[in-house]
Amino acid sequence: MATKTTINFDDEMETALEELVAVDGTKKLAIKRSLLAEVKRRRRSQALLDMIGSWEAREGPIDTQHLDWADTVLDRQGVSR
């Protein structure tokens, strides 16, 4: 069943939508694709957190040395935190 939702955009959101429309072709398609992409991103993030929690429940907390190593790798790859 289809539903209709009205969303009011400020200037920043309108500019972002214009950028997405340039890639996706129409406002409706850009909004749909962006919404689905965000849901998938959040699901992946939650799955990763769940996996880490499960691992820590079995093996114990991740030690500081390993976290420092991971931070070094992320910094080297330019990943923002």
C-alpha atoms as a PDB file:
ATOM      1  CA  MET A   1       0.000   0.000   0.000  1.00  0.00           C
ATOM      2  CA  ALA A   2       1.425   3.344  -1.001  1.00  0.00           C
ATOM      3  CA  THR A   3       1.312   6.320   1.323  1.00  0.00           C
ATOM      4  CA  LYS A   4       2.023   9.983   0.763  1.00  0.00           C
ATOM      5  CA  THR A   5       4.189  12.121   3.035  1.00  0.00           C
ATOM      6  CA  THR A   6       4.885  15.836   2.807  1.00  0.00           C
ATOM      7  CA  ILE A   7       8.325  17.070   3.805  1.00  0.00           C
ATOM      8  CA  ASN A   8       9.389  20.711   4.011  1.00  0.00           C
ATOM      9  CA  PHE A   9      13.040  21.338   3.118  1.00  0.00           C
ATOM     10  CA  ASP A  10      15.191  24.220   4.245  1.00  0.00           C
ATOM     11  CA  ASP A  11      17.837  25.655   1.879  1.00  0.00           C
ATOM     12  CA  GLU A  12      20.487  23.133   2.946  1.00  0.00           C
ATOM     13  CA  MET A  13      18.175  20.173   2.338  1.00  0.00           C
ATOM     14  CA  GLU A  14      17.022  21.597  -0.999  1.00  0.00           C
ATOM     15  CA  THR A  15      20.651  21.947  -2.130  1.00  0.00           C
ATOM     16  CA  ALA A  16      21.377  18.369  -1.043  1.00  0.00           C
ATOM     17  CA  LEU A  17      18.321  17.154  -2.954  1.00  0.00           C
ATOM     18  CA  GLU A  18      19.433  18.992  -6.092  1.00  0.00           C
ATOM     19  CA  GLU A  19      22.775  17.206  -5.831  1.00  0.00           C
ATOM     20  CA  LEU A  20      21.049  13.836  -5.550  1.00  0.00           C
ATOM     21  CA  VAL A  21      18.677  14.611  -8.428  1.00  0.00           C
ATOM     22  CA  ALA A  22      21.711  15.229 -10.637  1.00  0.00           C
ATOM     23  CA  VAL A  23      22.659  11.594 -10.016  1.00  0.00           C
ATOM     24  CA  ASP A  24      19.250   9.919  -9.766  1.00  0.00           C
ATOM     25  CA  GLY A  25      17.194  11.928 -12.269  1.00  0.00           C
ATOM     26  CA  THR A  26      14.064  12.865 -10.321  1.00  0.00           C
ATOM     27  CA  LYS A  27      13.277  14.146  -6.849  1.00  0.00           C
ATOM     28  CA  LYS A  28      11.104  11.156  -6.047  1.00  0.00           C
ATOM     29  CA  LEU A  29      13.748   8.657  -7.136  1.00  0.00           C
ATOM     30  CA  ALA A  30      16.523  10.552  -5.339  1.00  0.00           C
ATOM     31  CA  ILE A  31      14.573  10.599  -2.066  1.00  0.00           C
ATOM     32  CA  LYS A  32      13.629   6.909  -2.323  1.00  0.00           C
ATOM     33  CA  ARG A  33      17.175   5.790  -3.097  1.00  0.00           C
ATOM     34  CA  SER A  34      18.643   7.945  -0.337  1.00  0.00           C
ATOM     35  CA  LEU A  35      16.164   6.662   2.216  1.00  0.00           C
ATOM     36  CA  LEU A  36      16.856   3.028   1.306  1.00  0.00           C
ATOM     37  CA  ALA A  37      20.622   3.611   1.329  1.00  0.00           C
ATOM     38  CA  GLU A  38      20.446   5.140   4.808  1.00  0.00           C
ATOM     39  CA  VAL A  39      18.388   2.244   6.152  1.00  0.00           C
ATOM     40  CA  LYS A  40      20.904  -0.245   4.733  1.00  0.00           C
ATOM     41  CA  ARG A  41      23.810   1.735   6.228  1.00  0.00           C
ATOM     42  CA  ARG A  42      22.183   1.774   9.653  1.00  0.00           C
ATOM     43  CA  ARG A  43      21.411  -1.949   9.476  1.00  0.00           C
ATOM     44  CA  ARG A  44      25.060  -2.704   8.628  1.00  0.00           C
ATOM     45  CA  SER A  45      26.251  -0.506  11.485  1.00  0.00           C
ATOM     46  CA  GLN A  46      23.902  -2.213  13.937  1.00  0.00           C
ATOM     47  CA  ALA A  47      24.910  -5.675  12.682  1.00  0.00           C
ATOM     48  CA  LEU A  48      28.560  -4.779  13.278  1.00  0.00           C
ATOM     49  CA  LEU A  49      27.804  -3.536  16.799  1.00  0.00           C
ATOM     50  CA  ASP A  50      25.820  -6.703  17.499  1.00  0.00           C
ATOM     51  CA  MET A  51      28.689  -8.873  16.232  1.00  0.00           C
ATOM     52  CA  ILE A  52      31.216  -7.026  18.410  1.00  0.00           C
ATOM     53  CA  GLY A  53      28.915  -7.327  21.429  1.00  0.00           C
ATOM     54  CA  SER A  54      28.499 -11.047  20.827  1.00  0.00           C
ATOM     55  CA  TRP A  55      32.253 -11.532  20.427  1.00  0.00           C
ATOM     56  CA  GLU A  56      32.977  -9.584  23.603  1.00  0.00           C
ATOM     57  CA  ALA A  57      30.360 -11.615  25.503  1.00  0.00           C
ATOM     58  CA  ARG A  58      32.245 -14.811  24.550  1.00  0.00           C
ATOM     59  CA  GLU A  59      35.859 -13.581  24.612  1.00  0.00           C
ATOM     60  CA  GLY A  60      35.830 -10.595  26.940  1.00  0.00           C
ATOM     61  CA  PRO A  61      36.325  -6.909  26.176  1.00  0.00           C
ATOM     62  CA  ILE A  62      38.603  -5.856  23.349  1.00  0.00           C
ATOM     63  CA  ASP A  63      41.877  -4.764  24.919  1.00  0.00           C
ATOM     64  CA  THR A  64      43.336  -1.272  24.631  1.00  0.00           C
ATOM     65  CA  GLN A  65      46.300  -2.468  22.564  1.00  0.00           C
ATOM     66  CA  HIS A  66      43.990  -3.824  19.856  1.00  0.00           C
ATOM     67  CA  LEU A  67      41.853  -0.657  19.904  1.00  0.00           C
ATOM     68  CA  ASP A  68      44.989   1.474  19.498  1.00  0.00           C
ATOM     69  CA  TRP A  69      46.063  -0.683  16.536  1.00  0.00           C
ATOM     70  CA  ALA A  70      42.608  -0.311  14.953  1.00  0.00           C
ATOM     71  CA  ASP A  71      42.719   3.478  15.433  1.00  0.00           C
ATOM     72  CA  THR A  72      46.125   3.578  13.706  1.00  0.00           C
ATOM     73  CA  VAL A  73      44.780   1.597  10.738  1.00  0.00           C
ATOM     74  CA  LEU A  74      41.704   3.843  10.451  1.00  0.00           C
ATOM     75  CA  ASP A  75      43.832   6.990  10.662  1.00  0.00           C
ATOM     76  CA  ARG A  76      46.183   5.675   7.968  1.00  0.00           C
ATOM     77  CA  GLN A  77      43.196   4.999   5.700  1.00  0.00           C
ATOM     78  CA  GLY A  78      41.743   8.457   6.360  1.00  0.00           C
ATOM     79  CA  VAL A  79      38.566   7.157   7.961  1.00  0.00           C
ATOM     80  CA  SER A  80      36.841   9.883   9.975  1.00  0.00           C
ATOM     81  CA  ARG A  81      35.676   9.060  13.486  1.00  0.00           C
END
